[in-house]
Protein backbone atom coordinates (compact mmCIF):
# COMPACT_ATOMS: atom_id res chain seq x y z
CA UNK A 1 -4.91 -27.06 -6.61
CA UNK A 2 -1.45 -27.94 -5.32
CA UNK A 3 0.55 -24.90 -4.35
CA UNK A 4 3.33 -24.34 -6.87
CA UNK A 5 6.81 -23.18 -5.90
CA UNK A 6 8.50 -20.51 -7.98
CA UNK A 7 10.44 -22.31 -10.72
CA UNK A 8 10.92 -19.85 -13.54
CA UNK A 9 14.64 -19.28 -14.15
CA UNK A 10 13.99 -17.52 -17.45
CA UNK A 11 11.44 -14.98 -18.57
CA UNK A 12 10.26 -17.46 -21.20
CA UNK A 13 9.56 -20.03 -18.46
CA UNK A 14 7.34 -17.52 -16.65
CA UNK A 15 5.55 -16.57 -19.88
CA UNK A 16 4.84 -20.22 -20.67
CA UNK A 17 3.37 -20.87 -17.21
CA UNK A 18 1.23 -17.74 -17.39
CA UNK A 19 -0.12 -18.71 -20.81
CA UNK A 20 -0.97 -22.19 -19.51
CA UNK A 21 -3.00 -20.64 -16.72
CA UNK A 22 -4.53 -17.97 -18.98
CA UNK A 23 -3.04 -15.45 -16.56
CA UNK A 24 -2.81 -11.81 -17.62
CA UNK A 25 0.90 -11.07 -17.13
CA UNK A 26 2.10 -8.65 -19.84
CA UNK A 27 5.82 -9.37 -19.60
CA UNK A 28 7.95 -6.96 -21.64
CA UNK A 29 11.38 -7.88 -22.96
CA UNK A 30 12.73 -4.37 -22.41
CA UNK A 31 12.36 -2.26 -19.26
CA UNK A 32 13.29 1.16 -20.65
CA UNK A 33 9.80 2.59 -20.10
CA UNK A 34 10.32 2.37 -16.34
CA UNK A 35 12.73 5.28 -16.64
CA UNK A 36 10.47 7.74 -18.39
CA UNK A 37 9.16 10.74 -16.40
CA UNK A 38 5.56 11.13 -15.28
CA UNK A 39 3.61 14.26 -14.37
CA UNK A 40 1.67 14.02 -11.11
CA UNK A 41 -0.33 17.00 -9.95
CA UNK A 42 1.95 19.56 -11.52
CA UNK A 43 5.07 17.75 -10.31
CA UNK A 44 7.30 15.48 -12.37
CA UNK A 45 8.61 12.18 -11.05
CA UNK A 46 11.78 11.02 -12.76
CA UNK A 47 10.78 7.37 -13.23
CA UNK A 48 7.81 5.03 -12.98
CA UNK A 49 9.05 3.08 -9.94
CA UNK A 50 7.48 3.64 -6.54
CA UNK A 51 8.40 2.12 -3.19
CA UNK A 52 5.23 1.08 -1.39
CA UNK A 53 4.49 1.90 2.27
CA UNK A 54 6.25 -0.86 4.23
CA UNK A 55 5.98 -0.50 8.00
CA UNK A 56 9.18 -1.08 9.91
CA UNK A 57 7.70 -1.13 13.44
CA UNK A 58 10.80 0.73 14.55
CA UNK A 59 9.64 4.17 15.66
CA UNK A 60 10.15 5.49 19.15
CA UNK A 61 7.52 5.10 21.85
CA UNK A 62 6.44 8.68 21.13
CA UNK A 63 6.07 8.04 17.39
CA UNK A 64 9.26 9.62 16.04
CA UNK A 65 11.46 7.84 13.47
CA UNK A 66 14.01 5.54 15.12
CA UNK A 67 17.51 4.59 13.99
CA UNK A 68 16.29 1.72 11.83
CA UNK A 69 13.60 3.97 10.34
CA UNK A 70 16.29 6.42 9.26
CA UNK A 71 18.46 3.59 7.93
CA UNK A 72 15.61 2.20 5.82
CA UNK A 73 14.65 5.52 4.22
CA UNK A 74 18.27 6.47 3.62
CA UNK A 75 18.64 3.22 1.65
CA UNK A 76 15.39 3.87 -0.20
CA UNK A 77 16.53 7.36 -1.17
CA UNK A 78 19.91 6.09 -2.38
CA UNK A 79 18.15 3.63 -4.66
CA UNK A 80 16.36 6.39 -6.58
CA UNK A 81 12.67 5.55 -7.02
CA UNK A 82 10.59 8.34 -8.52
CA UNK A 83 8.15 8.13 -5.62
CA UNK A 84 8.54 6.94 -2.02
CA UNK A 85 5.18 6.17 -0.41
CA UNK A 86 6.15 6.64 3.22
CA UNK A 87 4.83 4.00 5.61
CA UNK A 88 1.69 4.22 7.77
CA UNK A 89 1.77 7.08 10.28
CA UNK A 90 -0.98 7.07 12.92
CA UNK A 91 -3.46 9.92 13.18
CA UNK A 92 -4.20 9.23 16.87
CA UNK A 93 -2.38 7.35 19.65
CA UNK A 94 -5.19 4.81 20.05
CA UNK A 95 -5.11 4.15 16.30
CA UNK A 96 -1.48 2.92 16.24
CA UNK A 97 -0.96 -0.62 14.92
CA UNK A 98 1.87 -1.20 17.40
CA UNK A 99 3.63 0.52 20.27
CA UNK A 100 6.34 1.46 17.74
CA UNK A 101 4.28 2.58 14.77
CA UNK A 102 5.13 6.09 13.64
CA UNK A 103 2.82 8.85 14.90
CA UNK A 104 3.33 12.44 13.73
CA UNK A 105 2.83 15.09 16.42
CA UNK A 106 3.72 18.71 17.12
CA UNK A 107 6.49 17.43 19.40
CA UNK A 108 8.22 15.21 16.83
CA UNK A 109 7.46 16.92 13.52
CA UNK A 110 11.02 18.27 13.33
CA UNK A 111 12.40 14.72 13.51
CA UNK A 112 10.32 13.80 10.46
CA UNK A 113 11.49 16.96 8.70
CA UNK A 114 15.15 16.05 9.29
CA UNK A 115 14.54 12.58 7.88
CA UNK A 116 12.87 13.96 4.74
CA UNK A 117 15.67 16.50 4.26
CA UNK A 118 18.19 13.66 4.45
CA UNK A 119 16.22 11.56 1.96
CA UNK A 120 16.09 14.35 -0.61
CA UNK A 121 19.73 15.30 -0.11
CA UNK A 122 20.79 11.67 -0.44
CA UNK A 123 18.81 11.08 -3.63
CA UNK A 124 20.03 14.33 -5.18
CA UNK A 125 23.63 13.33 -4.46
CA UNK A 126 23.26 9.73 -5.65
CA UNK A 127 20.78 10.11 -8.50
CA UNK A 128 20.57 13.77 -9.47
CA UNK A 129 16.94 14.18 -8.44
CA UNK A 130 14.75 14.05 -5.34
CA UNK A 131 11.81 11.64 -5.08
CA UNK A 132 8.22 12.64 -4.51
CA UNK A 133 7.39 11.60 -0.92
CA UNK A 134 3.83 10.80 0.16
CA UNK A 135 2.92 10.11 3.80
CA UNK A 136 0.37 7.41 4.55
CA UNK A 137 -1.95 8.62 7.33
CA UNK A 138 -3.81 5.83 9.08
CA UNK A 139 -6.35 4.74 11.63
CA UNK A 140 -5.55 1.08 12.20
CA UNK A 141 -9.07 0.27 13.32
CA UNK A 142 -9.52 -3.47 13.73
CA UNK A 143 -5.74 -3.90 13.94
CA UNK A 144 -4.97 -1.26 16.55
CA UNK A 145 -2.36 -2.33 19.11
CA UNK A 146 -1.15 0.95 20.66
CA UNK A 147 0.26 -0.84 23.72
CA UNK A 148 1.41 -3.97 21.93
CA UNK A 149 -1.77 -5.97 22.53
CA UNK A 150 -4.99 -5.91 20.47
CA UNK A 151 -7.30 -2.99 21.22
CA UNK A 152 -9.48 -3.19 18.10
CA UNK A 153 -11.65 -0.36 16.83
CA UNK A 154 -14.11 -2.06 14.52
CA UNK A 155 -16.81 -0.78 12.19
CA UNK A 156 -19.00 -3.87 12.56
CA UNK A 157 -18.70 -7.57 13.36
CA UNK A 158 -17.08 -9.36 10.43
CA UNK A 159 -17.29 -13.15 10.98
CA UNK A 160 -14.57 -14.00 8.41
CA UNK A 161 -12.13 -11.92 10.51
CA UNK A 162 -13.34 -12.94 13.97
CA UNK A 163 -12.73 -16.55 14.96
CA UNK A 164 -14.18 -15.49 18.31
CA UNK A 165 -16.65 -12.59 18.08
CA UNK A 166 -15.27 -9.39 19.53
CA UNK A 167 -17.23 -7.62 22.29
CA UNK A 168 -19.90 -5.23 21.04
CA UNK A 169 -18.18 -2.35 22.82
CA UNK A 170 -15.31 -2.58 20.31
CA UNK A 171 -17.67 -1.26 17.59
CA UNK A 172 -16.96 2.44 17.23
CA UNK A 173 -19.89 4.84 17.43
CA UNK A 174 -20.80 7.45 14.85
CA UNK A 175 -19.51 10.08 17.27
CA UNK A 176 -16.20 8.20 17.49
CA UNK A 177 -15.98 8.22 13.70
CA UNK A 178 -16.54 11.97 13.59
CA UNK A 179 -13.64 12.47 16.02
CA UNK A 180 -11.47 10.15 13.95
CA UNK A 181 -12.31 12.18 10.83
CA UNK A 182 -11.28 15.41 12.56
CA UNK A 183 -7.84 13.92 13.29
CA UNK A 184 -7.00 14.00 9.58
CA UNK A 185 -7.00 17.80 9.70
CA UNK A 186 -4.11 17.85 12.17
CA UNK A 187 -2.41 15.09 10.20
CA UNK A 188 -2.52 17.18 7.02
CA UNK A 189 -1.21 20.27 8.81
CA UNK A 190 1.72 18.36 10.32
CA UNK A 191 2.35 16.45 7.09
CA UNK A 192 2.93 19.75 5.28
CA UNK A 193 5.05 21.08 8.13
CA UNK A 194 7.27 18.00 7.97
CA UNK A 195 7.80 18.56 4.24
CA UNK A 196 5.90 15.72 2.61
CA UNK A 197 4.66 16.34 -0.93
CA UNK A 198 1.29 14.74 -0.32
CA UNK A 199 -0.78 12.69 2.09
CA UNK A 200 -2.47 9.34 1.63
CA UNK A 201 -5.76 8.89 3.46
CA UNK A 202 -5.15 5.18 3.90
CA UNK A 203 -8.08 3.02 2.81
CA UNK A 204 -6.77 -0.49 2.34
CA UNK A 205 -6.22 -3.93 3.86
CA UNK A 206 -9.21 -3.72 6.20
CA UNK A 207 -7.95 -0.89 8.37
CA UNK A 208 -10.77 1.38 9.52
CA UNK A 209 -11.52 3.48 6.42
CA UNK A 210 -11.33 0.37 4.26
CA UNK A 211 -13.53 -1.68 6.58
CA UNK A 212 -16.24 0.96 6.46
CA UNK A 213 -16.48 0.56 2.68
CA UNK A 214 -18.06 -2.84 3.33
CA UNK A 215 -20.20 -1.87 6.35
CA UNK A 216 -23.42 -3.11 4.72
CA UNK A 217 -24.81 -4.34 8.05
CA UNK A 218 -23.91 -1.27 10.13
CA UNK A 219 -26.87 0.93 11.13
CA UNK A 220 -26.77 4.73 11.01
CA UNK A 221 -25.10 7.21 8.71
CA UNK A 222 -21.91 5.16 8.14
CA UNK A 223 -23.46 1.88 7.01
CA UNK A 224 -25.72 0.26 4.46
CA UNK A 225 -25.86 2.39 1.32
CA UNK A 226 -22.90 3.28 -0.88
CA UNK A 227 -23.19 6.93 0.20
CA UNK A 228 -23.01 5.93 3.87
CA UNK A 229 -20.21 3.41 3.45
CA UNK A 230 -18.00 5.97 1.70
CA UNK A 231 -18.90 8.82 4.08
CA UNK A 232 -15.96 8.34 6.48
CA UNK A 233 -13.33 8.33 3.75
CA UNK A 234 -14.74 11.44 2.09
CA UNK A 235 -15.08 13.25 5.40
CA UNK A 236 -11.45 12.44 6.20
CA UNK A 237 -10.52 14.03 2.88
CA UNK A 238 -12.62 17.10 3.70
CA UNK A 239 -10.98 17.45 7.10
CA UNK A 240 -7.51 17.13 5.59
CA UNK A 241 -8.28 19.59 2.79
CA UNK A 242 -9.38 22.20 5.33
CA UNK A 243 -5.77 22.41 6.57
CA UNK A 244 -3.96 22.49 3.22
CA UNK A 245 -2.08 25.75 2.95
CA UNK A 246 0.95 24.81 0.84
CA UNK A 247 0.64 25.11 -2.92
CA UNK A 248 1.16 21.80 -4.68
CA UNK A 249 0.45 19.64 -1.62
CA UNK A 250 -2.01 16.91 -2.58
CA UNK A 251 -4.22 14.18 -1.15
CA UNK A 252 -4.53 10.62 -2.43
CA UNK A 253 -5.19 7.09 -1.20
CA UNK A 254 -3.85 3.59 -1.24
CA UNK A 255 -7.20 1.94 -1.84
CA UNK A 256 -8.53 -1.60 -1.69
CA UNK A 257 -10.58 -2.22 -4.82
CA UNK A 258 -11.29 -5.86 -3.88
CA UNK A 259 -11.37 -7.41 -0.42
CA UNK A 260 -11.72 -11.08 -1.32
CA UNK A 261 -14.57 -11.81 1.11
CA UNK A 262 -18.03 -12.94 0.10
CA UNK A 263 -20.96 -10.50 0.29
CA UNK A 264 -21.97 -8.80 2.57
CA UNK A 265 -18.49 -8.50 3.98
CA UNK A 266 -16.49 -7.43 0.98
CA UNK A 267 -15.93 -4.31 -1.15
CA UNK A 268 -15.38 -4.90 -4.85
CA UNK A 269 -17.11 -8.30 -4.61
CA UNK A 270 -20.13 -9.10 -6.77
CA UNK A 271 -23.27 -9.59 -4.73
CA UNK A 272 -24.43 -13.21 -4.70
CA UNK A 273 -21.47 -14.39 -6.81
CA UNK A 274 -19.04 -15.69 -4.20
CA UNK A 275 -15.65 -14.04 -4.60
CA UNK A 276 -16.15 -12.71 -8.12
CA UNK A 277 -14.49 -9.33 -8.67
CA UNK A 278 -16.82 -6.40 -9.35
CA UNK A 279 -15.09 -3.02 -9.61
CA UNK A 280 -18.14 -0.84 -10.28
CA UNK A 281 -18.18 0.73 -6.80
CA UNK A 282 -14.38 1.15 -6.56
CA UNK A 283 -14.31 2.88 -9.95
CA UNK A 284 -17.19 5.12 -8.90
CA UNK A 285 -15.44 5.99 -5.63
CA UNK A 286 -12.10 6.77 -7.24
CA UNK A 287 -13.81 8.94 -9.84
CA UNK A 288 -15.59 10.87 -7.11
CA UNK A 289 -12.34 11.37 -5.17
CA UNK A 290 -10.69 12.72 -8.32
CA UNK A 291 -13.56 15.10 -9.04
CA UNK A 292 -14.00 16.36 -5.47
CA UNK A 293 -10.41 16.44 -4.21
CA UNK A 294 -8.27 16.60 -7.36
CA UNK A 295 -6.22 13.55 -6.47
CA UNK A 296 -3.27 13.28 -8.91
CA UNK A 297 -2.95 9.47 -8.68
CA UNK A 298 -4.45 6.43 -6.96
CA UNK A 299 -2.55 3.51 -5.43
CA UNK A 300 -4.51 0.30 -6.11
CA UNK A 301 -4.30 -2.79 -3.93
CA UNK A 302 -6.46 -5.73 -2.84
CA UNK A 303 -6.99 -8.25 -0.05
CA UNK A 304 -6.17 -8.42 3.64
CA UNK A 305 -2.65 -9.43 4.74
CA UNK A 306 -4.08 -10.89 7.97
CA UNK A 307 -6.73 -13.08 6.32
CA UNK A 308 -5.98 -13.70 2.63
CA UNK A 309 -2.42 -12.39 2.10
CA UNK A 310 -2.07 -14.23 -1.22
CA UNK A 311 -4.52 -11.71 -2.73
CA UNK A 312 -2.25 -8.68 -2.35
CA UNK A 313 1.15 -10.35 -2.11
CA UNK A 314 1.23 -13.75 -3.86
CA UNK A 315 3.89 -16.01 -2.40
CA UNK A 316 4.90 -19.65 -2.12
CA UNK A 317 6.61 -20.10 1.24
CA UNK A 318 5.41 -20.57 4.80
CA UNK A 319 2.69 -22.54 6.50
CA UNK A 320 -0.24 -20.69 4.93
CA UNK A 321 -1.07 -22.33 1.60
CA UNK A 322 -3.81 -20.66 -0.46
CA UNK A 323 -6.02 -22.70 -2.73
CA UNK A 324 -4.84 -20.98 -5.89
CA UNK A 325 -1.72 -20.76 -8.00
CA UNK A 326 0.37 -17.65 -7.16
CA UNK A 327 0.12 -16.53 -10.78
CA UNK A 328 -3.67 -16.66 -10.49
CA UNK A 329 -3.42 -14.13 -7.67
CA UNK A 330 -1.02 -12.04 -9.73
CA UNK A 331 -3.44 -12.22 -12.66
CA UNK A 332 -6.30 -10.92 -10.48
CA UNK A 333 -4.23 -7.95 -9.33
CA UNK A 334 -2.96 -7.04 -12.80
CA UNK A 335 -6.44 -7.31 -14.34
CA UNK A 336 -7.88 -5.16 -11.55
CA UNK A 337 -5.21 -2.49 -11.89
CA UNK A 338 -5.69 -2.46 -15.66
CA UNK A 339 -9.47 -2.16 -15.36
CA UNK A 340 -9.15 0.82 -13.02
CA UNK A 341 -6.63 2.53 -15.30
CA UNK A 342 -8.74 2.04 -18.42
CA UNK A 343 -11.91 3.19 -16.65
CA UNK A 344 -10.13 6.37 -15.48
CA UNK A 345 -7.61 7.11 -18.23
CA UNK A 346 -6.87 10.65 -17.01
CA UNK A 347 -5.85 9.47 -13.52
CA UNK A 348 -2.45 7.78 -13.15
CA UNK A 349 -2.79 4.42 -11.39
CA UNK A 350 0.01 2.98 -9.25
CA UNK A 351 -0.17 -0.82 -9.36
CA UNK A 352 0.77 -3.31 -6.65
CA UNK A 353 2.05 -6.89 -6.19
CA UNK A 354 5.00 -6.68 -8.58
CA UNK A 355 7.51 -8.42 -6.30
CA UNK A 356 6.32 -12.03 -6.72
CA UNK A 357 8.05 -12.63 -10.11
CA UNK A 358 11.42 -11.98 -8.40
CA UNK A 359 14.10 -11.26 -11.02
CA UNK A 360 11.36 -10.92 -13.67
CA UNK A 361 9.43 -8.28 -11.71
CA UNK A 362 10.81 -5.40 -13.77
CA UNK A 363 9.56 -7.04 -16.96
CA UNK A 364 6.04 -7.30 -15.57
CA UNK A 365 6.14 -3.68 -14.41
CA UNK A 366 7.37 -2.56 -17.83
CA UNK A 367 4.71 -4.58 -19.62
CA UNK A 368 1.94 -3.10 -17.51
CA UNK A 369 3.17 0.46 -18.04
CA UNK A 370 4.05 0.09 -21.72
CA UNK A 371 0.64 -1.45 -22.37
CA UNK A 372 -1.20 1.42 -20.69
CA UNK A 373 -2.43 -0.79 -17.85
CA UNK A 374 -0.98 1.48 -15.15
CA UNK A 375 1.23 4.55 -14.90
CA UNK A 376 3.59 3.46 -12.10
CA UNK A 377 4.69 0.18 -10.54
CA UNK A 378 4.88 -0.16 -6.77
CA UNK A 379 7.38 -2.39 -4.99
CA UNK A 380 7.14 -3.22 -1.28
CA UNK A 381 8.86 -6.47 -0.32
CA UNK A 382 11.41 -6.00 -3.09
CA UNK A 383 12.37 -2.62 -1.62
CA UNK A 384 13.07 -4.33 1.72
CA UNK A 385 15.15 -7.05 0.06
CA UNK A 386 17.10 -5.07 -2.53
CA UNK A 387 16.29 -1.39 -2.97
CA UNK A 388 19.20 -1.14 -5.42
CA UNK A 389 17.29 -3.24 -7.97
CA UNK A 390 16.52 0.08 -9.68
CA UNK A 391 20.17 0.54 -10.59
CA UNK A 392 20.34 -2.99 -12.04
CA UNK A 393 17.26 -2.34 -14.14
CA UNK A 394 18.68 0.95 -15.36
CA UNK A 395 22.12 -0.48 -16.22
CA UNK A 396 21.34 -4.01 -17.36
CA UNK A 397 17.59 -4.05 -18.07
CA UNK A 398 16.99 -6.79 -15.50
CA UNK A 399 17.15 -7.57 -11.79
CA UNK A 400 19.73 -9.78 -10.09
CA UNK A 401 18.06 -13.02 -8.96
CA UNK A 402 20.67 -13.42 -6.20
CA UNK A 403 19.45 -10.20 -4.56
CA UNK A 404 15.73 -10.33 -5.31
CA UNK A 405 12.92 -10.84 -2.81
CA UNK A 406 12.02 -14.54 -2.48
CA UNK A 407 8.48 -13.76 -1.21
CA UNK A 408 8.97 -15.80 1.95
CA UNK A 409 6.75 -13.64 4.15
CA UNK A 410 9.49 -13.15 6.76
CA UNK A 411 9.15 -9.36 6.77
CA UNK A 412 5.40 -9.69 7.43
CA UNK A 413 6.04 -12.16 10.25
CA UNK A 414 8.27 -9.60 11.96
CA UNK A 415 5.62 -6.93 11.53
CA UNK A 416 2.90 -9.12 13.03
CA UNK A 417 5.18 -9.87 15.97
CA UNK A 418 5.55 -6.13 16.61
CA UNK A 419 9.32 -6.23 16.13
CA UNK A 420 11.44 -4.21 13.67
CA UNK A 421 10.63 -5.46 10.19
CA UNK A 422 12.87 -5.92 7.19
CA UNK A 423 14.22 -8.64 4.90
CA UNK A 424 15.26 -11.74 6.84
CA UNK A 425 16.97 -13.21 3.77
CA UNK A 426 18.85 -10.31 2.16
CA UNK A 427 19.44 -8.08 5.21
CA UNK A 428 20.20 -10.64 7.92
CA UNK A 429 22.74 -8.54 9.80
CA UNK A 430 19.80 -6.45 11.00
CA UNK A 431 16.66 -8.57 10.67
CA UNK A 432 16.23 -12.14 11.88
CA UNK A 433 13.21 -14.25 12.66
């Protein structure tokens, strides 16, 4: 299929294209439902808009927030989302995705606390409320680059991700995994000390916890069966829970429910059926996390930004051209989010991939929420491009196409290069390719 450029100046144009493709895009005319409150774990968020965890690669060498980090979160707080899902923060130095990825330690926890205090003060002043702020704790696994060059920590050899097979000594041992699990205890302790409202045990996009979900071929207690493949994630939760002392502090995850690789290398992929989506195991896992750890919401995503980025962030620019229409990718995400929400109606689901429709993104978010297909809508690239889109939606019921994300992939290119990442189109005085 020829790759189709975005050409939908009106909402009706987008609806017509979606209908022609039989794509599930519930586009609402009105966006009022985005500004209704939602109860999450005994806390109330003021609206249904969340900013997704977007790494800026702009921390200090010791892991503290840098000047551009502070600038980004100040802008996010001014915009007024109900929830800010703070970007990936490493649990260990060797698990950093870059030499400038954030890393929370006893030495820099006060710097994080000052940043969070500023965010809440800013939002209270600008919007009359403070956002809920969740920290994403991570072990970058296969994508670890603590010194700026690849130093992968892999669960098993995955041919779709290894053009040249990595050395066997890059496969982490069971003892390594146990040490990595223990690191989430310190992360939870420091996360509370810094003032976050909750902590995400990151399990997406083929970082370590996510990769282990598909470790069918790995021997030992972390591979093969469902119980073994989910062991690391659950043990990370147990380690984190052991350090929770603050009432109301919660655990959750941004979770891949579909990897987009053929069996045996994918999670959420039907065995023997190519790339067909099968959410039985993801639904089972999320239900178990809710029952065992009382998670108040789940952040659903798909794909791998390094291998099949069109799965989790459909786009139509750049040299990488997927063999599917962008709205087909958007359809897959929206159907998956809806299936999770309907399977677990008592657990609020935060959906992903809303930025692709550009100025129509708010209408898709509203349609998903109003139709009961998810409880919150998460925006990543759009938050980089124009965090103030929330004010336009509130005042005018629509986004400004002249400020919207154009899904060019420039922010991701900066991230992969290990340089400070942001919008190269809408924020060019700071970020340039």
